[in-house]
Amino acid sequence: MNKIIISALLNILSFIGFSQSNQSELIATKISQKMQDSLSLTENQKMQVFNINMHLSNQKDSARQQYSGSSLGFQIQKVVNMRDSLYHGILPYNKFLFYRQQKRNLITNN
C-alpha cells in the first residue's frame, strides 16, 4: 500500500516538473518565433533567442526555489532585467533598436 502511494506521488511530482519545463519551452519557442517574424532573424539568431529565454526561465525557477516574498520579486526582476543585455549581444544593432522600440510601444500602450 505504501509503495503504491509513494509511486503515485513520484509520478505526480515528475509530471509537475515535466509540465513546468514544457511550459518554459513553449514560451521560449513563442518568443523566438515572434522575434524571428518581426525582426527577420536568421535561424541561428532565433535559436540564440530561444536559448536565452530558456536560460532566463531556469534562472527564475532557481530563484523561486531559493527566495520568497519581496526578495523573490526582486530576484525575478533582476533576471528579467538581464534580457535586453543578452539580446544586445546577439542581435545586430538596427534589429536591437527595433526590438527596444517595439517593447517600449507594448509597455506604453498597455
PDB file of N, CA and C in Angstrom:
ATOM      1  N   MET A   1       0.820  -1.192   0.000  1.00  0.00           N
ATOM      2  CA  MET A   1       0.000   0.000   0.000  1.00  0.00           C
ATOM      3  C   MET A   1       0.869   1.264   0.000  1.00  0.00           C
ATOM      4  N   ASN A   2       1.886   1.292   0.888  1.00  0.00           N
ATOM      5  CA  ASN A   2       2.782   2.445   0.952  1.00  0.00           C
ATOM      6  C   ASN A   2       3.553   2.625  -0.346  1.00  0.00           C
ATOM      7  N   LYS A   3       3.944   1.503  -0.963  1.00  0.00           N
ATOM      8  CA  LYS A   3       4.680   1.582  -2.226  1.00  0.00           C
ATOM      9  C   LYS A   3       3.818   2.193  -3.319  1.00  0.00           C
ATOM     10  N   ILE A   4       2.530   1.876  -3.309  1.00  0.00           N
ATOM     11  CA  ILE A   4       1.613   2.441  -4.309  1.00  0.00           C
ATOM     12  C   ILE A   4       1.475   3.938  -4.107  1.00  0.00           C
ATOM     13  N   ILE A   5       1.335   4.369  -2.882  1.00  0.00           N
ATOM     14  CA  ILE A   5       1.196   5.804  -2.584  1.00  0.00           C
ATOM     15  C   ILE A   5       2.471   6.550  -2.959  1.00  0.00           C
ATOM     16  N   ILE A   6       3.611   5.995  -2.594  1.00  0.00           N
ATOM     17  CA  ILE A   6       4.887   6.635  -2.924  1.00  0.00           C
ATOM     18  C   ILE A   6       5.076   6.691  -4.433  1.00  0.00           C
ATOM     19  N   SER A   7       4.742   5.612  -5.105  1.00  0.00           N
ATOM     20  CA  SER A   7       4.852   5.582  -6.561  1.00  0.00           C
ATOM     21  C   SER A   7       3.944   6.631  -7.204  1.00  0.00           C
ATOM     22  N   ALA A   8       2.725   6.748  -6.711  1.00  0.00           N
ATOM     23  CA  ALA A   8       1.790   7.746  -7.245  1.00  0.00           C
ATOM     24  C   ALA A   8       2.315   9.156  -7.011  1.00  0.00           C
ATOM     25  N   LEU A   9       2.857   9.421  -5.825  1.00  0.00           N
ATOM     26  CA  LEU A   9       3.411  10.746  -5.529  1.00  0.00           C
ATOM     27  C   LEU A   9       4.597  11.072  -6.434  1.00  0.00           C
ATOM     28  N   LEU A  10       5.458  10.100  -6.650  1.00  0.00           N
ATOM     29  CA  LEU A  10       6.608  10.326  -7.532  1.00  0.00           C
ATOM     30  C   LEU A  10       6.158  10.604  -8.961  1.00  0.00           C
ATOM     31  N   ASN A  11       5.145   9.887  -9.415  1.00  0.00           N
ATOM     32  CA  ASN A  11       4.612  10.138 -10.757  1.00  0.00           C
ATOM     33  C   ASN A  11       4.038  11.544 -10.872  1.00  0.00           C
ATOM     34  N   ILE A  12       3.305  11.970  -9.856  1.00  0.00           N
ATOM     35  CA  ILE A  12       2.723  13.316  -9.866  1.00  0.00           C
ATOM     36  C   ILE A  12       3.825  14.366  -9.866  1.00  0.00           C
ATOM     37  N   LEU A  13       4.825  14.201  -9.025  1.00  0.00           N
ATOM     38  CA  LEU A  13       5.918  15.171  -8.956  1.00  0.00           C
ATOM     39  C   LEU A  13       6.709  15.231 -10.260  1.00  0.00           C
ATOM     40  N   SER A  14       6.942  14.091 -10.877  1.00  0.00           N
ATOM     41  CA  SER A  14       7.679  14.106 -12.140  1.00  0.00           C
ATOM     42  C   SER A  14       6.847  14.763 -13.234  1.00  0.00           C
ATOM     43  N   PHE A  15       5.531  14.559 -13.210  1.00  0.00           N
ATOM     44  CA  PHE A  15       4.658  15.204 -14.194  1.00  0.00           C
ATOM     45  C   PHE A  15       4.669  16.713 -14.011  1.00  0.00           C
ATOM     46  N   ILE A  16       4.625  17.182 -12.756  1.00  0.00           N
ATOM     47  CA  ILE A  16       4.652  18.620 -12.487  1.00  0.00           C
ATOM     48  C   ILE A  16       5.960  19.218 -12.981  1.00  0.00           C
ATOM     49  N   GLY A  17       7.077  18.554 -12.717  1.00  0.00           N
ATOM     50  CA  GLY A  17       8.375  19.041 -13.195  1.00  0.00           C
ATOM     51  C   GLY A  17       8.433  19.074 -14.705  1.00  0.00           C
ATOM     52  N   PHE A  18       7.934  18.039 -15.359  1.00  0.00           N
ATOM     53  CA  PHE A  18       7.909  17.995 -16.824  1.00  0.00           C
ATOM     54  C   PHE A  18       7.013  19.088 -17.369  1.00  0.00           C
ATOM     55  N   SER A  19       5.873  19.294 -16.733  1.00  0.00           N
ATOM     56  CA  SER A  19       4.919  20.304 -17.190  1.00  0.00           C
ATOM     57  C   SER A  19       5.523  21.697 -17.127  1.00  0.00           C
ATOM     58  N   GLN A  20       6.241  22.016 -16.039  1.00  0.00           N
ATOM     59  CA  GLN A  20       6.872  23.324 -15.920  1.00  0.00           C
ATOM     60  C   GLN A  20       7.950  23.502 -16.977  1.00  0.00           C
ATOM     61  N   SER A  21       8.743  22.474 -17.206  1.00  0.00           N
ATOM     62  CA  SER A  21       9.785  22.537 -18.217  1.00  0.00           C
ATOM     63  C   SER A  21       9.172  22.709 -19.598  1.00  0.00           C
ATOM     64  N   ASN A  22       8.114  21.960 -19.858  1.00  0.00           N
ATOM     65  CA  ASN A  22       7.425  22.033 -21.131  1.00  0.00           C
ATOM     66  C   ASN A  22       6.839  23.432 -21.342  1.00  0.00           C
ATOM     67  N   GLN A  23       6.272  24.010 -20.291  1.00  0.00           N
ATOM     68  CA  GLN A  23       5.715  25.364 -20.371  1.00  0.00           C
ATOM     69  C   GLN A  23       6.810  26.374 -20.703  1.00  0.00           C
ATOM     70  N   SER A  24       7.967  26.241 -20.096  1.00  0.00           N
ATOM     71  CA  SER A  24       9.090  27.137 -20.376  1.00  0.00           C
ATOM     72  C   SER A  24       9.514  27.031 -21.835  1.00  0.00           C
ATOM     73  N   GLU A  25       9.551  25.819 -22.349  1.00  0.00           N
ATOM     74  CA  GLU A  25       9.920  25.622 -23.753  1.00  0.00           C
ATOM     75  C   GLU A  25       8.883  26.232 -24.695  1.00  0.00           C
ATOM     76  N   LEU A  26       7.616  26.092 -24.355  1.00  0.00           N
ATOM     77  CA  LEU A  26       6.561  26.680 -25.191  1.00  0.00           C
ATOM     78  C   LEU A  26       6.680  28.197 -25.236  1.00  0.00           C
ATOM     79  N   ILE A  27       6.921  28.792 -24.086  1.00  0.00           N
ATOM     80  CA  ILE A  27       7.053  30.249 -24.021  1.00  0.00           C
ATOM     81  C   ILE A  27       8.293  30.704 -24.789  1.00  0.00           C
ATOM     82  N   ALA A  28       9.420  30.021 -24.584  1.00  0.00           N
ATOM     83  CA  ALA A  28      10.655  30.389 -25.289  1.00  0.00           C
ATOM     84  C   ALA A  28      10.482  30.233 -26.795  1.00  0.00           C
ATOM     85  N   THR A  29       9.774  29.196 -27.211  1.00  0.00           N
ATOM     86  CA  THR A  29       9.517  28.987 -28.641  1.00  0.00           C
ATOM     87  C   THR A  29       8.657  30.108 -29.204  1.00  0.00           C
ATOM     88  N   LYS A  30       7.621  30.470 -28.471  1.00  0.00           N
ATOM     89  CA  LYS A  30       6.718  31.540 -28.924  1.00  0.00           C
ATOM     90  C   LYS A  30       7.460  32.868 -29.043  1.00  0.00           C
ATOM     91  N   ILE A  31       8.262  33.192 -28.053  1.00  0.00           N
ATOM     92  CA  ILE A  31       9.028  34.444 -28.085  1.00  0.00           C
ATOM     93  C   ILE A  31       9.995  34.451 -29.261  1.00  0.00           C
ATOM     94  N   SER A  32      10.733  33.358 -29.435  1.00  0.00           N
ATOM     95  CA  SER A  32      11.728  33.322 -30.514  1.00  0.00           C
ATOM     96  C   SER A  32      11.055  33.377 -31.883  1.00  0.00           C
ATOM     97  N   GLN A  33       9.891  32.747 -32.029  1.00  0.00           N
ATOM     98  CA  GLN A  33       9.179  32.789 -33.303  1.00  0.00           C
ATOM     99  C   GLN A  33       8.661  34.194 -33.605  1.00  0.00           C
ATOM    100  N   LYS A  34       8.096  34.851 -32.586  1.00  0.00           N
ATOM    101  CA  LYS A  34       7.599  36.218 -32.790  1.00  0.00           C
ATOM    102  C   LYS A  34       8.742  37.171 -33.123  1.00  0.00           C
ATOM    103  N   MET A  35       9.875  36.993 -32.455  1.00  0.00           N
ATOM    104  CA  MET A  35      11.010  37.860 -32.746  1.00  0.00           C
ATOM    105  C   MET A  35      11.567  37.579 -34.137  1.00  0.00           C
ATOM    106  N   GLN A  36      11.579  36.316 -34.541  1.00  0.00           N
ATOM    107  CA  GLN A  36      12.045  35.997 -35.893  1.00  0.00           C
ATOM    108  C   GLN A  36      11.139  36.658 -36.924  1.00  0.00           C
ATOM    109  N   ASP A  37       9.832  36.595 -36.703  1.00  0.00           N
ATOM    110  CA  ASP A  37       8.885  37.190 -37.638  1.00  0.00           C
ATOM    111  C   ASP A  37       9.012  38.709 -37.702  1.00  0.00           C
ATOM    112  N   SER A  38       9.097  39.352 -36.546  1.00  0.00           N
ATOM    113  CA  SER A  38       9.108  40.819 -36.536  1.00  0.00           C
ATOM    114  C   SER A  38      10.468  41.425 -36.866  1.00  0.00           C
ATOM    115  N   LEU A  39      11.555  40.681 -36.581  1.00  0.00           N
ATOM    116  CA  LEU A  39      12.894  41.220 -36.800  1.00  0.00           C
ATOM    117  C   LEU A  39      13.626  40.561 -37.964  1.00  0.00           C
ATOM    118  N   SER A  40      12.978  39.619 -38.626  1.00  0.00           N
ATOM    119  CA  SER A  40      13.604  38.863 -39.716  1.00  0.00           C
ATOM    120  C   SER A  40      14.921  38.230 -39.261  1.00  0.00           C
ATOM    121  N   LEU A  41      14.852  37.492 -38.159  1.00  0.00           N
ATOM    122  CA  LEU A  41      16.038  36.840 -37.620  1.00  0.00           C
ATOM    123  C   LEU A  41      16.401  35.617 -38.448  1.00  0.00           C
ATOM    124  N   THR A  42      17.670  35.295 -38.451  1.00  0.00           N
ATOM    125  CA  THR A  42      18.127  34.044 -39.066  1.00  0.00           C
ATOM    126  C   THR A  42      17.753  32.896 -38.126  1.00  0.00           C
ATOM    127  N   GLU A  43      17.867  31.678 -38.621  1.00  0.00           N
ATOM    128  CA  GLU A  43      17.588  30.512 -37.771  1.00  0.00           C
ATOM    129  C   GLU A  43      18.552  30.467 -36.582  1.00  0.00           C
ATOM    130  N   ASN A  44      19.796  30.839 -36.817  1.00  0.00           N
ATOM    131  CA  ASN A  44      20.786  30.852 -35.745  1.00  0.00           C
ATOM    132  C   ASN A  44      20.409  31.878 -34.673  1.00  0.00           C
ATOM    133  N   GLN A  45      20.017  33.073 -35.089  1.00  0.00           N
ATOM    134  CA  GLN A  45      19.606  34.096 -34.130  1.00  0.00           C
ATOM    135  C   GLN A  45      18.350  33.662 -33.370  1.00  0.00           C
ATOM    136  N   LYS A  46      17.426  33.040 -34.097  1.00  0.00           N
ATOM    137  CA  LYS A  46      16.206  32.541 -33.451  1.00  0.00           C
ATOM    138  C   LYS A  46      16.562  31.521 -32.377  1.00  0.00           C
ATOM    139  N   MET A  47      17.485  30.614 -32.674  1.00  0.00           N
ATOM    140  CA  MET A  47      17.900  29.607 -31.698  1.00  0.00           C
ATOM    141  C   MET A  47      18.596  30.259 -30.503  1.00  0.00           C
ATOM    142  N   GLN A  48      19.373  31.296 -30.757  1.00  0.00           N
ATOM    143  CA  GLN A  48      20.030  32.007 -29.657  1.00  0.00           C
ATOM    144  C   GLN A  48      19.001  32.698 -28.762  1.00  0.00           C
ATOM    145  N   VAL A  49      17.971  33.280 -29.357  1.00  0.00           N
ATOM    146  CA  VAL A  49      16.901  33.907 -28.570  1.00  0.00           C
ATOM    147  C   VAL A  49      16.198  32.835 -27.736  1.00  0.00           C
ATOM    148  N   PHE A  50      15.920  31.696 -28.341  1.00  0.00           N
ATOM    149  CA  PHE A  50      15.305  30.580 -27.611  1.00  0.00           C
ATOM    150  C   PHE A  50      16.183  30.178 -26.424  1.00  0.00           C
ATOM    151  N   ASN A  51      17.478  30.010 -26.658  1.00  0.00           N
ATOM    152  CA  ASN A  51      18.399  29.602 -25.588  1.00  0.00           C
ATOM    153  C   ASN A  51      18.467  30.637 -24.473  1.00  0.00           C
ATOM    154  N   ILE A  52      18.460  31.905 -24.832  1.00  0.00           N
ATOM    155  CA  ILE A  52      18.457  32.971 -23.821  1.00  0.00           C
ATOM    156  C   ILE A  52      17.217  32.860 -22.956  1.00  0.00           C
ATOM    157  N   ASN A  53      16.068  32.680 -23.585  1.00  0.00           N
ATOM    158  CA  ASN A  53      14.825  32.608 -22.822  1.00  0.00           C
ATOM    159  C   ASN A  53      14.749  31.353 -21.957  1.00  0.00           C
ATOM    160  N   MET A  54      15.299  30.253 -22.419  1.00  0.00           N
ATOM    161  CA  MET A  54      15.358  29.061 -21.583  1.00  0.00           C
ATOM    162  C   MET A  54      16.292  29.287 -20.395  1.00  0.00           C
ATOM    163  N   HIS A  55      17.417  29.944 -20.648  1.00  0.00           N
ATOM    164  CA  HIS A  55      18.360  30.267 -19.569  1.00  0.00           C
ATOM    165  C   HIS A  55      17.682  31.154 -18.522  1.00  0.00           C
ATOM    166  N   LEU A  56      16.966  32.174 -18.972  1.00  0.00           N
ATOM    167  CA  LEU A  56      16.284  33.070 -18.045  1.00  0.00           C
ATOM    168  C   LEU A  56      15.193  32.336 -17.267  1.00  0.00           C
ATOM    169  N   SER A  57      14.487  31.449 -17.931  1.00  0.00           N
ATOM    170  CA  SER A  57      13.458  30.659 -17.260  1.00  0.00           C
ATOM    171  C   SER A  57      14.077  29.782 -16.168  1.00  0.00           C
ATOM    172  N   ASN A  58      15.207  29.172 -16.475  1.00  0.00           N
ATOM    173  CA  ASN A  58      15.902  28.349 -15.479  1.00  0.00           C
ATOM    174  C   ASN A  58      16.369  29.190 -14.299  1.00  0.00           C
ATOM    175  N   GLN A  59      16.838  30.392 -14.592  1.00  0.00           N
ATOM    176  CA  GLN A  59      17.274  31.290 -13.517  1.00  0.00           C
ATOM    177  C   GLN A  59      16.096  31.689 -12.623  1.00  0.00           C
ATOM    178  N   LYS A  60      14.946  31.966 -13.246  1.00  0.00           N
ATOM    179  CA  LYS A  60      13.757  32.317 -12.461  1.00  0.00           C
ATOM    180  C   LYS A  60      13.297  31.131 -11.622  1.00  0.00           C
ATOM    181  N   ASP A  61      13.342  29.930 -12.180  1.00  0.00           N
ATOM    182  CA  ASP A  61      12.979  28.736 -11.409  1.00  0.00           C
ATOM    183  C   ASP A  61      13.905  28.558 -10.209  1.00  0.00           C
ATOM    184  N   SER A  62      15.180  28.797 -10.419  1.00  0.00           N
ATOM    185  CA  SER A  62      16.144  28.699  -9.330  1.00  0.00           C
ATOM    186  C   SER A  62      15.845  29.732  -8.243  1.00  0.00           C
ATOM    187  N   ALA A  63      15.507  30.945  -8.649  1.00  0.00           N
ATOM    188  CA  ALA A  63      15.174  31.994  -7.677  1.00  0.00           C
ATOM    189  C   ALA A  63      13.925  31.619  -6.887  1.00  0.00           C
ATOM    190  N   ARG A  64      12.956  31.015  -7.551  1.00  0.00           N
ATOM    191  CA  ARG A  64      11.723  30.599  -6.865  1.00  0.00           C
ATOM    192  C   ARG A  64      12.005  29.553  -5.786  1.00  0.00           C
ATOM    193  N   GLN A  65      13.023  28.742  -5.995  1.00  0.00           N
ATOM    194  CA  GLN A  65      13.374  27.723  -5.009  1.00  0.00           C
ATOM    195  C   GLN A  65      14.150  28.311  -3.829  1.00  0.00           C
ATOM    196  N   GLN A  66      14.851  29.413  -4.068  1.00  0.00           N
ATOM    197  CA  GLN A  66      15.727  29.962  -3.034  1.00  0.00           C
ATOM    198  C   GLN A  66      15.115  31.116  -2.250  1.00  0.00           C
ATOM    199  N   TYR A  67      14.162  31.840  -2.826  1.00  0.00           N
ATOM    200  CA  TYR A  67      13.652  33.057  -2.214  1.00  0.00           C
ATOM    201  C   TYR A  67      12.136  33.011  -2.087  1.00  0.00           C
ATOM    202  N   SER A  68      11.622  33.921  -1.269  1.00  0.00           N
ATOM    203  CA  SER A  68      10.174  34.066  -1.146  1.00  0.00           C
ATOM    204  C   SER A  68       9.861  35.530  -0.831  1.00  0.00           C
ATOM    205  N   GLY A  69       8.590  35.888  -0.935  1.00  0.00           N
ATOM    206  CA  GLY A  69       8.154  37.236  -0.609  1.00  0.00           C
ATOM    207  C   GLY A  69       8.748  38.288  -1.516  1.00  0.00           C
ATOM    208  N   SER A  70       9.036  39.449  -0.926  1.00  0.00           N
ATOM    209  CA  SER A  70       9.546  40.571  -1.718  1.00  0.00           C
ATOM    210  C   SER A  70      10.942  40.296  -2.269  1.00  0.00           C
ATOM    211  N   SER A  71      11.735  39.498  -1.563  1.00  0.00           N
ATOM    212  CA  SER A  71      13.066  39.171  -2.090  1.00  0.00           C
ATOM    213  C   SER A  71      12.954  38.305  -3.350  1.00  0.00           C
ATOM    214  N   LEU A  72      11.909  37.464  -3.427  1.00  0.00           N
ATOM    215  CA  LEU A  72      11.686  36.679  -4.642  1.00  0.00           C
ATOM    216  C   LEU A  72      11.370  37.612  -5.806  1.00  0.00           C
ATOM    217  N   GLY A  73      10.483  38.570  -5.584  1.00  0.00           N
ATOM    218  CA  GLY A  73      10.149  39.529  -6.638  1.00  0.00           C
ATOM    219  C   GLY A  73      11.372  40.287  -7.119  1.00  0.00           C
ATOM    220  N   PHE A  74      12.224  40.683  -6.186  1.00  0.00           N
ATOM    221  CA  PHE A  74      13.450  41.398  -6.538  1.00  0.00           C
ATOM    222  C   PHE A  74      14.368  40.523  -7.386  1.00  0.00           C
ATOM    223  N   GLN A  75      14.527  39.256  -6.992  1.00  0.00           N
ATOM    224  CA  GLN A  75      15.408  38.336  -7.731  1.00  0.00           C
ATOM    225  C   GLN A  75      14.864  38.044  -9.126  1.00  0.00           C
ATOM    226  N   ILE A  76      13.549  37.858  -9.239  1.00  0.00           N
ATOM    227  CA  ILE A  76      12.935  37.619 -10.550  1.00  0.00           C
ATOM    228  C   ILE A  76      13.151  38.833 -11.444  1.00  0.00           C
ATOM    229  N   GLN A  77      12.975  40.031 -10.882  1.00  0.00           N
ATOM    230  CA  GLN A  77      13.163  41.249 -11.676  1.00  0.00           C
ATOM    231  C   GLN A  77      14.611  41.394 -12.136  1.00  0.00           C
ATOM    232  N   LYS A  78      15.561  40.991 -11.291  1.00  0.00           N
ATOM    233  CA  LYS A  78      16.971  41.015 -11.704  1.00  0.00           C
ATOM    234  C   LYS A  78      17.201  40.121 -12.913  1.00  0.00           C
ATOM    235  N   VAL A  79      16.589  38.952 -12.900  1.00  0.00           N
ATOM    236  CA  VAL A  79      16.734  38.021 -14.022  1.00  0.00           C
ATOM    237  C   VAL A  79      16.108  38.615 -15.279  1.00  0.00           C
ATOM    238  N   VAL A  80      14.900  39.141 -15.153  1.00  0.00           N
ATOM    239  CA  VAL A  80      14.186  39.709 -16.305  1.00  0.00           C
ATOM    240  C   VAL A  80      14.960  40.895 -16.884  1.00  0.00           C
ATOM    241  N   ASN A  81      15.580  41.676 -16.032  1.00  0.00           N
ATOM    242  CA  ASN A  81      16.335  42.846 -16.492  1.00  0.00           C
ATOM    243  C   ASN A  81      17.583  42.468 -17.295  1.00  0.00           C
ATOM    244  N   MET A  82      17.996  41.213 -17.231  1.00  0.00           N
ATOM    245  CA  MET A  82      19.159  40.757 -18.000  1.00  0.00           C
ATOM    246  C   MET A  82      18.814  40.538 -19.470  1.00  0.00           C
ATOM    247  N   ARG A  83      17.530  40.392 -19.778  1.00  0.00           N
ATOM    248  CA  ARG A  83      17.091  40.008 -21.116  1.00  0.00           C
ATOM    249  C   ARG A  83      17.647  40.920 -22.197  1.00  0.00           C
ATOM    250  N   ASP A  84      17.487  42.231 -22.040  1.00  0.00           N
ATOM    251  CA  ASP A  84      17.920  43.153 -23.092  1.00  0.00           C
ATOM    252  C   ASP A  84      19.429  43.091 -23.331  1.00  0.00           C
ATOM    253  N   SER A  85      20.196  42.993 -22.262  1.00  0.00           N
ATOM    254  CA  SER A  85      21.651  42.940 -22.467  1.00  0.00           C
ATOM    255  C   SER A  85      22.055  41.646 -23.168  1.00  0.00           C
ATOM    256  N   LEU A  86      21.344  40.562 -22.894  1.00  0.00           N
ATOM    257  CA  LEU A  86      21.641  39.300 -23.586  1.00  0.00           C
ATOM    258  C   LEU A  86      21.223  39.378 -25.057  1.00  0.00           C
ATOM    259  N   TYR A  87      20.071  39.976 -25.325  1.00  0.00           N
ATOM    260  CA  TYR A  87      19.636  40.162 -26.718  1.00  0.00           C
ATOM    261  C   TYR A  87      20.607  41.070 -27.466  1.00  0.00           C
ATOM    262  N   HIS A  88      21.091  42.099 -26.784  1.00  0.00           N
ATOM    263  CA  HIS A  88      22.008  43.053 -27.411  1.00  0.00           C
ATOM    264  C   HIS A  88      23.268  42.344 -27.924  1.00  0.00           C
ATOM    265  N   GLY A  89      23.671  41.299 -27.224  1.00  0.00           N
ATOM    266  CA  GLY A  89      24.871  40.562 -27.623  1.00  0.00           C
ATOM    267  C   GLY A  89      24.702  39.706 -28.869  1.00  0.00           C
ATOM    268  N   ILE A  90      23.463  39.406 -29.244  1.00  0.00           N
ATOM    269  CA  ILE A  90      23.261  38.522 -30.401  1.00  0.00           C
ATOM    270  C   ILE A  90      22.578  39.200 -31.586  1.00  0.00           C
ATOM    271  N   LEU A  91      21.901  40.315 -31.341  1.00  0.00           N
ATOM    272  CA  LEU A  91      21.174  40.986 -32.420  1.00  0.00           C
ATOM    273  C   LEU A  91      22.023  42.095 -33.039  1.00  0.00           C
ATOM    274  N   PRO A  92      21.942  42.247 -34.358  1.00  0.00           N
ATOM    275  CA  PRO A  92      22.576  43.408 -34.979  1.00  0.00           C
ATOM    276  C   PRO A  92      21.965  44.690 -34.393  1.00  0.00           C
ATOM    277  N   TYR A  93      22.745  45.761 -34.404  1.00  0.00           N
ATOM    278  CA  TYR A  93      22.344  46.997 -33.748  1.00  0.00           C
ATOM    279  C   TYR A  93      20.971  47.494 -34.216  1.00  0.00           C
ATOM    280  N   ASN A  94      20.720  47.508 -35.525  1.00  0.00           N
ATOM    281  CA  ASN A  94      19.446  48.024 -36.021  1.00  0.00           C
ATOM    282  C   ASN A  94      18.268  47.151 -35.575  1.00  0.00           C
ATOM    283  N   LYS A  95      18.463  45.852 -35.501  1.00  0.00           N
ATOM    284  CA  LYS A  95      17.391  44.964 -35.050  1.00  0.00           C
ATOM    285  C   LYS A  95      17.167  45.099 -33.549  1.00  0.00           C
ATOM    286  N   PHE A  96      18.244  45.304 -32.806  1.00  0.00           N
ATOM    287  CA  PHE A  96      18.102  45.513 -31.369  1.00  0.00           C
ATOM    288  C   PHE A  96      17.335  46.801 -31.089  1.00  0.00           C
ATOM    289  N   LEU A  97      17.647  47.857 -31.837  1.00  0.00           N
ATOM    290  CA  LEU A  97      16.912  49.114 -31.652  1.00  0.00           C
ATOM    291  C   LEU A  97      15.429  48.943 -31.972  1.00  0.00           C
ATOM    292  N   PHE A  98      15.127  48.210 -33.032  1.00  0.00           N
ATOM    293  CA  PHE A  98      13.727  47.963 -33.387  1.00  0.00           C
ATOM    294  C   PHE A  98      13.038  47.131 -32.301  1.00  0.00           C
ATOM    295  N   TYR A  99      13.724  46.138 -31.774  1.00  0.00           N
ATOM    296  CA  TYR A  99      13.193  45.333 -30.662  1.00  0.00           C
ATOM    297  C   TYR A  99      12.856  46.229 -29.470  1.00  0.00           C
ATOM    298  N   ARG A 100      13.788  47.110 -29.106  1.00  0.00           N
ATOM    299  CA  ARG A 100      13.560  48.007 -27.962  1.00  0.00           C
ATOM    300  C   ARG A 100      12.385  48.949 -28.215  1.00  0.00           C
ATOM    301  N   GLN A 101      12.261  49.436 -29.436  1.00  0.00           N
ATOM    302  CA  GLN A 101      11.146  50.318 -29.785  1.00  0.00           C
ATOM    303  C   GLN A 101       9.817  49.562 -29.667  1.00  0.00           C
ATOM    304  N   GLN A 102       9.766  48.350 -30.187  1.00  0.00           N
ATOM    305  CA  GLN A 102       8.547  47.540 -30.100  1.00  0.00           C
ATOM    306  C   GLN A 102       8.198  47.234 -28.643  1.00  0.00           C
ATOM    307  N   LYS A 103       9.202  46.932 -27.855  1.00  0.00           N
ATOM    308  CA  LYS A 103       8.995  46.649 -26.438  1.00  0.00           C
ATOM    309  C   LYS A 103       8.441  47.882 -25.722  1.00  0.00           C
ATOM    310  N   ARG A 104       9.013  49.037 -26.006  1.00  0.00           N
ATOM    311  CA  ARG A 104       8.557  50.278 -25.392  1.00  0.00           C
ATOM    312  C   ARG A 104       7.106  50.568 -25.794  1.00  0.00           C
ATOM    313  N   ASN A 105       6.767  50.319 -27.055  1.00  0.00           N
ATOM    314  CA  ASN A 105       5.400  50.529 -27.511  1.00  0.00           C
ATOM    315  C   ASN A 105       4.421  49.601 -26.782  1.00  0.00           C
ATOM    316  N   LEU A 106       4.809  48.356 -26.575  1.00  0.00           N
ATOM    317  CA  LEU A 106       3.959  47.427 -25.853  1.00  0.00           C
ATOM    318  C   LEU A 106       3.721  47.888 -24.415  1.00  0.00           C
ATOM    319  N   ILE A 107       4.777  48.371 -23.805  1.00  0.00           N
ATOM    320  CA  ILE A 107       4.678  48.804 -22.399  1.00  0.00           C
ATOM    321  C   ILE A 107       3.806  50.047 -22.265  1.00  0.00           C
ATOM    322  N   THR A 108       4.016  51.019 -23.143  1.00  0.00           N
ATOM    323  CA  THR A 108       3.271  52.279 -23.004  1.00  0.00           C
ATOM    324  C   THR A 108       1.833  52.165 -23.490  1.00  0.00           C
ATOM    325  N   ASN A 109       1.527  51.202 -24.352  1.00  0.00           N
ATOM    326  CA  ASN A 109       0.157  51.050 -24.854  1.00  0.00           C
ATOM    327  C   ASN A 109      -0.695  50.158 -23.962  1.00  0.00           C
ATOM    328  N   ASN A 110      -0.104  49.521 -22.971  1.00  0.00           N
ATOM    329  CA  ASN A 110      -0.883  48.644 -22.075  1.00  0.00           C
ATOM    330  C   ASN A 110      -1.119  49.291 -20.760  1.00  0.00           C
TER     331      ASN A 110
END
